[in-house]
């Protein structure tokens, strides 16, 4: 079954890690165990040199139905009948931990492909917005649901979605909390590709992950870090960072292998060295 975390399963196949949200009976709602498991799991994947790409999916009938409010109600600071200033300050610490549990996906040097089927709402949308690439089935439904629950989305969607789909569409989704079909998500470029069913989705995600894993891990991971850095700086600063990243990894055994395999007309075998 692979490595089992609280609410998560991680299986490895070659250089690809397959991480699954594993609470199908709750449509993979994010409970307290999920937040505790995400950080060590993705930190381990980041440091594991055998892993070069990651596929993130959900088991059961949907990807993720958002926060498990029943589970979160167990936290004393969530007791709405007894709110104090101290409680609210403690709640900030909890939310910062949950934010970090999703940011660790973005920070992970290995590209992360989200494979979405069924529902992807609230916290699920926060999660996939931290991924590098998003794929989905035709029956996938997305929603930035928080205002419908009288809350502000505070786990990353409002910060990351504008960089993916733009300010106008993000504001529309944030203010209306409406459902978005997979076709509309494709049209607005929230997802890269759409598949007919879950089987073809996972096959497509695996094929893409394996293609990424076949490239030089030094170059792929440095490209991800350069893209992440360049989102928030000027073009000039981004160009300078790209030069620094390239200088850091060149020359390398992978570069030599790229030249040799080209001359010998064979597929390169990169080692990340």
C-alpha atoms as a PDB file:
ATOM      1  CA  UNK A   1       0.000   0.000   0.000  1.00  0.00           C
ATOM      2  CA  UNK A   2       2.979   2.320   0.346  1.00  0.00           C
ATOM      3  CA  UNK A   3       3.766   4.707   3.175  1.00  0.00           C
ATOM      4  CA  UNK A   4       0.662   5.518   5.220  1.00  0.00           C
ATOM      5  CA  UNK A   5       0.334   8.883   6.915  1.00  0.00           C
ATOM      6  CA  UNK A   6      -2.704  10.241   8.751  1.00  0.00           C
ATOM      7  CA  UNK A   7      -5.200  10.661   5.929  1.00  0.00           C
ATOM      8  CA  UNK A   8      -2.525  10.301   3.236  1.00  0.00           C
ATOM      9  CA  UNK A   9      -0.853   7.458   1.350  1.00  0.00           C
ATOM     10  CA  UNK A  10       2.428   7.787  -0.539  1.00  0.00           C
ATOM     11  CA  UNK A  11       3.422   5.170  -3.118  1.00  0.00           C
ATOM     12  CA  UNK A  12       6.569   5.271  -5.237  1.00  0.00           C
ATOM     13  CA  UNK A  13       7.041   3.941  -8.734  1.00  0.00           C
ATOM     14  CA  UNK A  14      10.417   4.572 -10.281  1.00  0.00           C
ATOM     15  CA  UNK A  15      11.202   8.254  -9.851  1.00  0.00           C
ATOM     16  CA  UNK A  16       7.543   9.250  -9.348  1.00  0.00           C
ATOM     17  CA  UNK A  17       5.785   9.561  -5.979  1.00  0.00           C
ATOM     18  CA  UNK A  18       2.007   9.161  -5.930  1.00  0.00           C
ATOM     19  CA  UNK A  19       0.441  10.944  -2.959  1.00  0.00           C
ATOM     20  CA  UNK A  20      -3.245  10.224  -2.322  1.00  0.00           C
ATOM     21  CA  UNK A  21      -5.681  11.926   0.031  1.00  0.00           C
ATOM     22  CA  UNK A  22      -7.102   8.887   1.792  1.00  0.00           C
ATOM     23  CA  UNK A  23     -10.360   9.702   3.569  1.00  0.00           C
ATOM     24  CA  UNK A  24     -12.800   8.539   0.880  1.00  0.00           C
ATOM     25  CA  UNK A  25     -15.655   8.154   3.346  1.00  0.00           C
ATOM     26  CA  UNK A  26     -15.397  11.922   3.994  1.00  0.00           C
ATOM     27  CA  UNK A  27     -14.688  12.871   0.375  1.00  0.00           C
ATOM     28  CA  UNK A  28     -11.130  13.518   1.553  1.00  0.00           C
ATOM     29  CA  UNK A  29     -12.078  16.403   3.818  1.00  0.00           C
ATOM     30  CA  UNK A  30      -9.028  17.894   5.541  1.00  0.00           C
ATOM     31  CA  UNK A  31      -9.022  16.922   9.215  1.00  0.00           C
ATOM     32  CA  UNK A  32      -6.420  17.670  11.890  1.00  0.00           C
ATOM     33  CA  UNK A  33      -4.365  14.638  10.877  1.00  0.00           C
ATOM     34  CA  UNK A  34      -4.075  15.921   7.310  1.00  0.00           C
ATOM     35  CA  UNK A  35      -2.430  19.144   8.448  1.00  0.00           C
ATOM     36  CA  UNK A  36      -0.019  17.248  10.690  1.00  0.00           C
ATOM     37  CA  UNK A  37       0.966  14.811   7.929  1.00  0.00           C
ATOM     38  CA  UNK A  38       1.507  17.162   4.986  1.00  0.00           C
ATOM     39  CA  UNK A  39       4.608  18.965   6.208  1.00  0.00           C
ATOM     40  CA  UNK A  40       6.802  15.937   7.076  1.00  0.00           C
ATOM     41  CA  UNK A  41       5.632  14.058   3.970  1.00  0.00           C
ATOM     42  CA  UNK A  42       6.517  16.782   1.499  1.00  0.00           C
ATOM     43  CA  UNK A  43       9.726  17.649   3.316  1.00  0.00           C
ATOM     44  CA  UNK A  44      10.740  13.991   2.962  1.00  0.00           C
ATOM     45  CA  UNK A  45       9.848  13.979  -0.741  1.00  0.00           C
ATOM     46  CA  UNK A  46      11.810  17.181  -1.246  1.00  0.00           C
ATOM     47  CA  UNK A  47      14.959  15.619   0.225  1.00  0.00           C
ATOM     48  CA  UNK A  48      14.544  12.188  -1.394  1.00  0.00           C
ATOM     49  CA  UNK A  49      16.803  12.312  -4.455  1.00  0.00           C
ATOM     50  CA  UNK A  50      15.120   9.241  -5.935  1.00  0.00           C
ATOM     51  CA  UNK A  51      11.883  11.238  -6.303  1.00  0.00           C
ATOM     52  CA  UNK A  52      11.804  13.558  -9.301  1.00  0.00           C
ATOM     53  CA  UNK A  53       8.079  14.302  -9.697  1.00  0.00           C
ATOM     54  CA  UNK A  54       4.903  13.919  -7.643  1.00  0.00           C
ATOM     55  CA  UNK A  55       1.271  13.159  -8.529  1.00  0.00           C
ATOM     56  CA  UNK A  56      -1.291  14.329  -5.962  1.00  0.00           C
ATOM     57  CA  UNK A  57      -4.784  12.809  -6.142  1.00  0.00           C
ATOM     58  CA  UNK A  58      -7.753  11.820  -3.986  1.00  0.00           C
ATOM     59  CA  UNK A  59      -9.199   8.373  -3.376  1.00  0.00           C
ATOM     60  CA  UNK A  60     -12.880   7.592  -3.582  1.00  0.00           C
ATOM     61  CA  UNK A  61     -15.524   9.663  -5.365  1.00  0.00           C
ATOM     62  CA  UNK A  62     -13.839  13.067  -5.192  1.00  0.00           C
ATOM     63  CA  UNK A  63     -10.536  14.878  -4.818  1.00  0.00           C
ATOM     64  CA  UNK A  64     -11.254  16.991  -1.728  1.00  0.00           C
ATOM     65  CA  UNK A  65     -14.392  18.494  -0.177  1.00  0.00           C
ATOM     66  CA  UNK A  66     -12.459  21.101   1.804  1.00  0.00           C
ATOM     67  CA  UNK A  67     -12.003  21.492   5.534  1.00  0.00           C
ATOM     68  CA  UNK A  68     -13.479  18.880   7.865  1.00  0.00           C
ATOM     69  CA  UNK A  69     -15.382  21.283  10.093  1.00  0.00           C
ATOM     70  CA  UNK A  70     -16.360  18.473  12.470  1.00  0.00           C
ATOM     71  CA  UNK A  71     -12.711  17.704  13.107  1.00  0.00           C
ATOM     72  CA  UNK A  72     -11.734  21.346  13.457  1.00  0.00           C
ATOM     73  CA  UNK A  73     -14.515  21.856  15.992  1.00  0.00           C
ATOM     74  CA  UNK A  74     -12.441  19.739  18.391  1.00  0.00           C
ATOM     75  CA  UNK A  75      -9.977  22.635  18.726  1.00  0.00           C
ATOM     76  CA  UNK A  76     -10.919  24.800  21.737  1.00  0.00           C
ATOM     77  CA  UNK A  77     -10.174  28.011  19.832  1.00  0.00           C
ATOM     78  CA  UNK A  78     -12.905  27.072  17.316  1.00  0.00           C
ATOM     79  CA  UNK A  79     -15.612  27.196  20.005  1.00  0.00           C
ATOM     80  CA  UNK A  80     -17.760  30.032  18.645  1.00  0.00           C
ATOM     81  CA  UNK A  81     -19.778  30.194  21.853  1.00  0.00           C
ATOM     82  CA  UNK A  82     -16.731  31.245  23.868  1.00  0.00           C
ATOM     83  CA  UNK A  83     -14.480  33.578  21.947  1.00  0.00           C
ATOM     84  CA  UNK A  84     -11.818  35.653  23.670  1.00  0.00           C
ATOM     85  CA  UNK A  85      -8.925  37.727  22.403  1.00  0.00           C
ATOM     86  CA  UNK A  86      -6.553  34.976  23.540  1.00  0.00           C
ATOM     87  CA  UNK A  87      -8.538  32.367  21.607  1.00  0.00           C
ATOM     88  CA  UNK A  88      -8.391  34.448  18.458  1.00  0.00           C
ATOM     89  CA  UNK A  89      -4.627  34.881  18.831  1.00  0.00           C
ATOM     90  CA  UNK A  90      -4.230  31.127  19.225  1.00  0.00           C
ATOM     91  CA  UNK A  91      -6.361  30.573  16.126  1.00  0.00           C
ATOM     92  CA  UNK A  92      -3.880  32.632  14.111  1.00  0.00           C
ATOM     93  CA  UNK A  93      -1.162  30.142  15.064  1.00  0.00           C
ATOM     94  CA  UNK A  94      -3.304  27.218  13.919  1.00  0.00           C
ATOM     95  CA  UNK A  95      -4.097  28.839  10.587  1.00  0.00           C
ATOM     96  CA  UNK A  96      -0.432  29.678   9.970  1.00  0.00           C
ATOM     97  CA  UNK A  97       0.377  25.996  10.468  1.00  0.00           C
ATOM     98  CA  UNK A  98      -2.330  25.026   7.960  1.00  0.00           C
ATOM     99  CA  UNK A  99      -0.975  27.598   5.513  1.00  0.00           C
ATOM    100  CA  UNK A 100       2.479  26.062   5.856  1.00  0.00           C
ATOM    101  CA  UNK A 101       1.011  22.593   5.199  1.00  0.00           C
ATOM    102  CA  UNK A 102       0.015  23.800   1.719  1.00  0.00           C
ATOM    103  CA  UNK A 103       2.974  26.089   1.084  1.00  0.00           C
ATOM    104  CA  UNK A 104       5.259  23.075   1.565  1.00  0.00           C
ATOM    105  CA  UNK A 105       3.796  21.712  -1.701  1.00  0.00           C
ATOM    106  CA  UNK A 106       4.763  24.881  -3.539  1.00  0.00           C
ATOM    107  CA  UNK A 107       8.188  24.970  -1.877  1.00  0.00           C
ATOM    108  CA  UNK A 108       8.949  21.314  -2.670  1.00  0.00           C
ATOM    109  CA  UNK A 109      11.595  21.307  -5.388  1.00  0.00           C
ATOM    110  CA  UNK A 110       9.949  18.391  -7.177  1.00  0.00           C
ATOM    111  CA  UNK A 111       7.156  19.367  -9.618  1.00  0.00           C
ATOM    112  CA  UNK A 112       3.728  18.443  -8.232  1.00  0.00           C
ATOM    113  CA  UNK A 113       0.874  17.474 -10.568  1.00  0.00           C
ATOM    114  CA  UNK A 114      -2.639  17.672  -9.107  1.00  0.00           C
ATOM    115  CA  UNK A 115      -4.983  15.035 -10.591  1.00  0.00           C
ATOM    116  CA  UNK A 116      -8.521  16.132  -9.725  1.00  0.00           C
ATOM    117  CA  UNK A 117     -11.762  14.172 -10.070  1.00  0.00           C
ATOM    118  CA  UNK A 118     -15.143  14.962  -8.573  1.00  0.00           C
ATOM    119  CA  UNK A 119     -15.301  17.771  -6.032  1.00  0.00           C
ATOM    120  CA  UNK A 120     -12.439  20.171  -5.380  1.00  0.00           C
ATOM    121  CA  UNK A 121     -13.792  22.880  -3.135  1.00  0.00           C
ATOM    122  CA  UNK A 122     -12.547  25.244  -0.440  1.00  0.00           C
ATOM    123  CA  UNK A 123      -9.319  23.866   0.983  1.00  0.00           C
ATOM    124  CA  UNK A 124      -9.037  21.517  -1.990  1.00  0.00           C
ATOM    125  CA  UNK A 125      -8.756  24.522  -4.291  1.00  0.00           C
ATOM    126  CA  UNK A 126      -6.193  26.046  -1.932  1.00  0.00           C
ATOM    127  CA  UNK A 127      -4.214  22.824  -2.219  1.00  0.00           C
ATOM    128  CA  UNK A 128      -4.178  22.537  -6.005  1.00  0.00           C
ATOM    129  CA  UNK A 129      -3.329  26.220  -6.370  1.00  0.00           C
ATOM    130  CA  UNK A 130      -0.040  25.387  -4.622  1.00  0.00           C
ATOM    131  CA  UNK A 131       0.695  22.652  -7.194  1.00  0.00           C
ATOM    132  CA  UNK A 132       2.653  23.219 -10.397  1.00  0.00           C
ATOM    133  CA  UNK A 133       0.269  21.583 -12.863  1.00  0.00           C
ATOM    134  CA  UNK A 134      -3.438  20.784 -12.559  1.00  0.00           C
ATOM    135  CA  UNK A 135      -5.282  18.055 -14.508  1.00  0.00           C
ATOM    136  CA  UNK A 136      -8.929  17.070 -14.088  1.00  0.00           C
ATOM    137  CA  UNK A 137     -11.730  14.787 -15.222  1.00  0.00           C
ATOM    138  CA  UNK A 138     -14.808  16.029 -17.060  1.00  0.00           C
ATOM    139  CA  UNK A 139     -16.899  15.605 -13.907  1.00  0.00           C
ATOM    140  CA  UNK A 140     -14.617  17.719 -11.713  1.00  0.00           C
ATOM    141  CA  UNK A 141     -16.218  20.678  -9.933  1.00  0.00           C
ATOM    142  CA  UNK A 142     -14.233  23.542  -8.414  1.00  0.00           C
ATOM    143  CA  UNK A 143     -15.400  26.158  -5.926  1.00  0.00           C
ATOM    144  CA  UNK A 144     -13.809  28.873  -3.840  1.00  0.00           C
ATOM    145  CA  UNK A 145     -16.481  28.247  -1.238  1.00  0.00           C
ATOM    146  CA  UNK A 146     -15.432  30.259   1.816  1.00  0.00           C
ATOM    147  CA  UNK A 147     -17.722  33.316   1.515  1.00  0.00           C
ATOM    148  CA  UNK A 148     -20.692  30.954   1.409  1.00  0.00           C
ATOM    149  CA  UNK A 149     -19.569  29.884   4.883  1.00  0.00           C
ATOM    150  CA  UNK A 150     -19.131  33.502   6.037  1.00  0.00           C
ATOM    151  CA  UNK A 151     -15.334  33.213   5.973  1.00  0.00           C
ATOM    152  CA  UNK A 152     -12.373  34.618   4.041  1.00  0.00           C
ATOM    153  CA  UNK A 153     -10.266  32.089   2.135  1.00  0.00           C
ATOM    154  CA  UNK A 154      -7.011  32.281   4.060  1.00  0.00           C
ATOM    155  CA  UNK A 155      -5.058  29.200   2.961  1.00  0.00           C
ATOM    156  CA  UNK A 156      -3.635  30.428  -0.331  1.00  0.00           C
ATOM    157  CA  UNK A 157      -6.272  30.669  -3.066  1.00  0.00           C
ATOM    158  CA  UNK A 158      -6.584  34.454  -2.897  1.00  0.00           C
ATOM    159  CA  UNK A 159      -2.815  34.786  -3.188  1.00  0.00           C
ATOM    160  CA  UNK A 160      -2.040  32.089  -5.772  1.00  0.00           C
ATOM    161  CA  UNK A 161      -5.078  31.966  -8.058  1.00  0.00           C
ATOM    162  CA  UNK A 162      -4.556  35.501  -9.440  1.00  0.00           C
ATOM    163  CA  UNK A 163      -1.170  34.311 -10.708  1.00  0.00           C
ATOM    164  CA  UNK A 164      -2.874  31.361 -12.427  1.00  0.00           C
ATOM    165  CA  UNK A 165      -6.192  32.688 -13.754  1.00  0.00           C
ATOM    166  CA  UNK A 166      -5.902  36.451 -13.191  1.00  0.00           C
ATOM    167  CA  UNK A 167      -7.469  38.943 -10.796  1.00  0.00           C
ATOM    168  CA  UNK A 168     -10.874  39.266 -12.464  1.00  0.00           C
ATOM    169  CA  UNK A 169     -11.749  35.570 -12.475  1.00  0.00           C
ATOM    170  CA  UNK A 170     -10.331  35.059  -8.986  1.00  0.00           C
ATOM    171  CA  UNK A 171     -12.467  37.882  -7.633  1.00  0.00           C
ATOM    172  CA  UNK A 172     -15.550  36.472  -9.348  1.00  0.00           C
ATOM    173  CA  UNK A 173     -14.995  33.040  -7.807  1.00  0.00           C
ATOM    174  CA  UNK A 174     -14.139  34.496  -4.392  1.00  0.00           C
ATOM    175  CA  UNK A 175     -17.175  36.783  -4.248  1.00  0.00           C
ATOM    176  CA  UNK A 176     -19.774  34.347  -5.645  1.00  0.00           C
ATOM    177  CA  UNK A 177     -18.565  30.984  -4.253  1.00  0.00           C
ATOM    178  CA  UNK A 178     -20.155  29.424  -7.329  1.00  0.00           C
ATOM    179  CA  UNK A 179     -19.318  26.023  -8.798  1.00  0.00           C
ATOM    180  CA  UNK A 180     -17.005  25.876 -11.805  1.00  0.00           C
ATOM    181  CA  UNK A 181     -17.172  22.943 -14.224  1.00  0.00           C
ATOM    182  CA  UNK A 182     -14.065  21.248 -15.567  1.00  0.00           C
ATOM    183  CA  UNK A 183     -14.678  22.742 -19.020  1.00  0.00           C
ATOM    184  CA  UNK A 184     -14.872  26.257 -17.579  1.00  0.00           C
ATOM    185  CA  UNK A 185     -11.786  25.552 -15.459  1.00  0.00           C
ATOM    186  CA  UNK A 186      -9.984  24.517 -18.646  1.00  0.00           C
ATOM    187  CA  UNK A 187     -11.161  27.641 -20.457  1.00  0.00           C
ATOM    188  CA  UNK A 188      -9.919  29.884 -17.648  1.00  0.00           C
ATOM    189  CA  UNK A 189      -6.637  27.928 -17.515  1.00  0.00           C
ATOM    190  CA  UNK A 190      -7.124  26.766 -13.955  1.00  0.00           C
ATOM    191  CA  UNK A 191      -6.414  23.264 -15.274  1.00  0.00           C
ATOM    192  CA  UNK A 192      -3.983  22.305 -18.032  1.00  0.00           C
ATOM    193  CA  UNK A 193      -5.878  19.331 -19.458  1.00  0.00           C
ATOM    194  CA  UNK A 194      -9.202  17.524 -19.088  1.00  0.00           C
ATOM    195  CA  UNK A 195      -9.801  13.753 -19.234  1.00  0.00           C
ATOM    196  CA  UNK A 196     -12.918  11.663 -19.741  1.00  0.00           C
ATOM    197  CA  UNK A 197     -12.649   9.669 -16.515  1.00  0.00           C
ATOM    198  CA  UNK A 198     -10.477   8.979 -13.487  1.00  0.00           C
ATOM    199  CA  UNK A 199      -8.618   6.107 -15.133  1.00  0.00           C
ATOM    200  CA  UNK A 200      -7.497   8.213 -18.090  1.00  0.00           C
ATOM    201  CA  UNK A 201      -6.738  11.095 -15.717  1.00  0.00           C
ATOM    202  CA  UNK A 202      -4.338   9.015 -13.654  1.00  0.00           C
ATOM    203  CA  UNK A 203      -2.772   7.545 -16.793  1.00  0.00           C
ATOM    204  CA  UNK A 204      -2.237  11.048 -18.157  1.00  0.00           C
ATOM    205  CA  UNK A 205      -0.829  12.310 -14.855  1.00  0.00           C
ATOM    206  CA  UNK A 206       1.532   9.345 -14.661  1.00  0.00           C
ATOM    207  CA  UNK A 207       2.713   9.857 -18.234  1.00  0.00           C
ATOM    208  CA  UNK A 208       3.418  13.537 -17.576  1.00  0.00           C
ATOM    209  CA  UNK A 209       5.146  12.805 -14.256  1.00  0.00           C
ATOM    210  CA  UNK A 210       7.343  10.177 -15.906  1.00  0.00           C
ATOM    211  CA  UNK A 211       8.262  12.588 -18.683  1.00  0.00           C
ATOM    212  CA  UNK A 212       9.303  15.172 -16.095  1.00  0.00           C
ATOM    213  CA  UNK A 213      11.222  12.499 -14.166  1.00  0.00           C
ATOM    214  CA  UNK A 214      13.135  11.555 -17.327  1.00  0.00           C
ATOM    215  CA  UNK A 215      14.643  15.054 -17.591  1.00  0.00           C
ATOM    216  CA  UNK A 216      17.644  16.287 -15.655  1.00  0.00           C
ATOM    217  CA  UNK A 217      16.437  16.699 -12.041  1.00  0.00           C
ATOM    218  CA  UNK A 218      18.995  19.469 -11.522  1.00  0.00           C
ATOM    219  CA  UNK A 219      17.529  21.450 -14.408  1.00  0.00           C
ATOM    220  CA  UNK A 220      13.871  20.694 -13.594  1.00  0.00           C
ATOM    221  CA  UNK A 221      14.160  21.618  -9.919  1.00  0.00           C
ATOM    222  CA  UNK A 222      16.169  24.754 -10.688  1.00  0.00           C
ATOM    223  CA  UNK A 223      13.528  25.727 -13.257  1.00  0.00           C
ATOM    224  CA  UNK A 224      10.788  25.379 -10.626  1.00  0.00           C
ATOM    225  CA  UNK A 225      12.720  27.492  -8.137  1.00  0.00           C
ATOM    226  CA  UNK A 226      13.374  30.119 -10.813  1.00  0.00           C
ATOM    227  CA  UNK A 227       9.689  30.238 -11.771  1.00  0.00           C
ATOM    228  CA  UNK A 228       8.615  30.544  -8.123  1.00  0.00           C
ATOM    229  CA  UNK A 229      11.112  33.322  -7.464  1.00  0.00           C
ATOM    230  CA  UNK A 230      10.367  35.253 -10.658  1.00  0.00           C
ATOM    231  CA  UNK A 231       6.635  35.635  -9.923  1.00  0.00           C
ATOM    232  CA  UNK A 232       7.251  38.342  -7.339  1.00  0.00           C
ATOM    233  CA  UNK A 233      10.209  40.301  -8.720  1.00  0.00           C
ATOM    234  CA  UNK A 234      11.046  42.401 -11.756  1.00  0.00           C
ATOM    235  CA  UNK A 235      12.030  40.758 -15.045  1.00  0.00           C
ATOM    236  CA  UNK A 236      15.579  41.988 -14.502  1.00  0.00           C
ATOM    237  CA  UNK A 237      15.797  40.373 -11.060  1.00  0.00           C
ATOM    238  CA  UNK A 238      14.239  37.182 -12.429  1.00  0.00           C
ATOM    239  CA  UNK A 239      16.808  37.041 -15.225  1.00  0.00           C
ATOM    240  CA  UNK A 240      19.624  37.503 -12.738  1.00  0.00           C
ATOM    241  CA  UNK A 241      18.255  34.682 -10.579  1.00  0.00           C
ATOM    242  CA  UNK A 242      18.032  32.392 -13.624  1.00  0.00           C
ATOM    243  CA  UNK A 243      21.698  33.036 -14.411  1.00  0.00           C
ATOM    244  CA  UNK A 244      22.652  32.245 -10.810  1.00  0.00           C
ATOM    245  CA  UNK A 245      20.674  28.997 -10.851  1.00  0.00           C
ATOM    246  CA  UNK A 246      22.227  27.906 -14.146  1.00  0.00           C
ATOM    247  CA  UNK A 247      25.710  28.773 -12.912  1.00  0.00           C
ATOM    248  CA  UNK A 248      25.036  26.697  -9.798  1.00  0.00           C
ATOM    249  CA  UNK A 249      24.300  23.517 -11.760  1.00  0.00           C
ATOM    250  CA  UNK A 250      26.729  23.909 -14.671  1.00  0.00           C
ATOM    251  CA  UNK A 251      28.840  22.104 -15.558  1.00  0.00           C
ATOM    252  CA  UNK A 252      27.293  18.833 -14.404  1.00  0.00           C
ATOM    253  CA  UNK A 253      27.290  15.139 -15.182  1.00  0.00           C
ATOM    254  CA  UNK A 254      23.766  15.604 -16.521  1.00  0.00           C
ATOM    255  CA  UNK A 255      24.971  18.214 -19.013  1.00  0.00           C
ATOM    256  CA  UNK A 256      27.707  15.886 -20.227  1.00  0.00           C
ATOM    257  CA  UNK A 257      25.174  13.058 -20.508  1.00  0.00           C
ATOM    258  CA  UNK A 258      22.865  15.304 -22.554  1.00  0.00           C
ATOM    259  CA  UNK A 259      25.640  15.978 -25.077  1.00  0.00           C
ATOM    260  CA  UNK A 260      26.853  12.372 -25.197  1.00  0.00           C
ATOM    261  CA  UNK A 261      23.371  10.907 -25.647  1.00  0.00           C
ATOM    262  CA  UNK A 262      22.688  13.407 -28.446  1.00  0.00           C
ATOM    263  CA  UNK A 263      25.863  12.450 -30.260  1.00  0.00           C
ATOM    264  CA  UNK A 264      25.171   8.742 -29.734  1.00  0.00           C
ATOM    265  CA  UNK A 265      21.498   9.114 -30.733  1.00  0.00           C
ATOM    266  CA  UNK A 266      20.130   7.494 -27.601  1.00  0.00           C
ATOM    267  CA  UNK A 267      17.846   8.442 -24.732  1.00  0.00           C
ATOM    268  CA  UNK A 268      19.753  10.236 -21.936  1.00  0.00           C
ATOM    269  CA  UNK A 269      19.974   8.711 -18.472  1.00  0.00           C
ATOM    270  CA  UNK A 270      20.227  11.589 -16.041  1.00  0.00           C
ATOM    271  CA  UNK A 271      21.466  10.987 -12.505  1.00  0.00           C
ATOM    272  CA  UNK A 272      21.012  14.425 -11.013  1.00  0.00           C
ATOM    273  CA  UNK A 273      24.733  14.895 -10.515  1.00  0.00           C
END
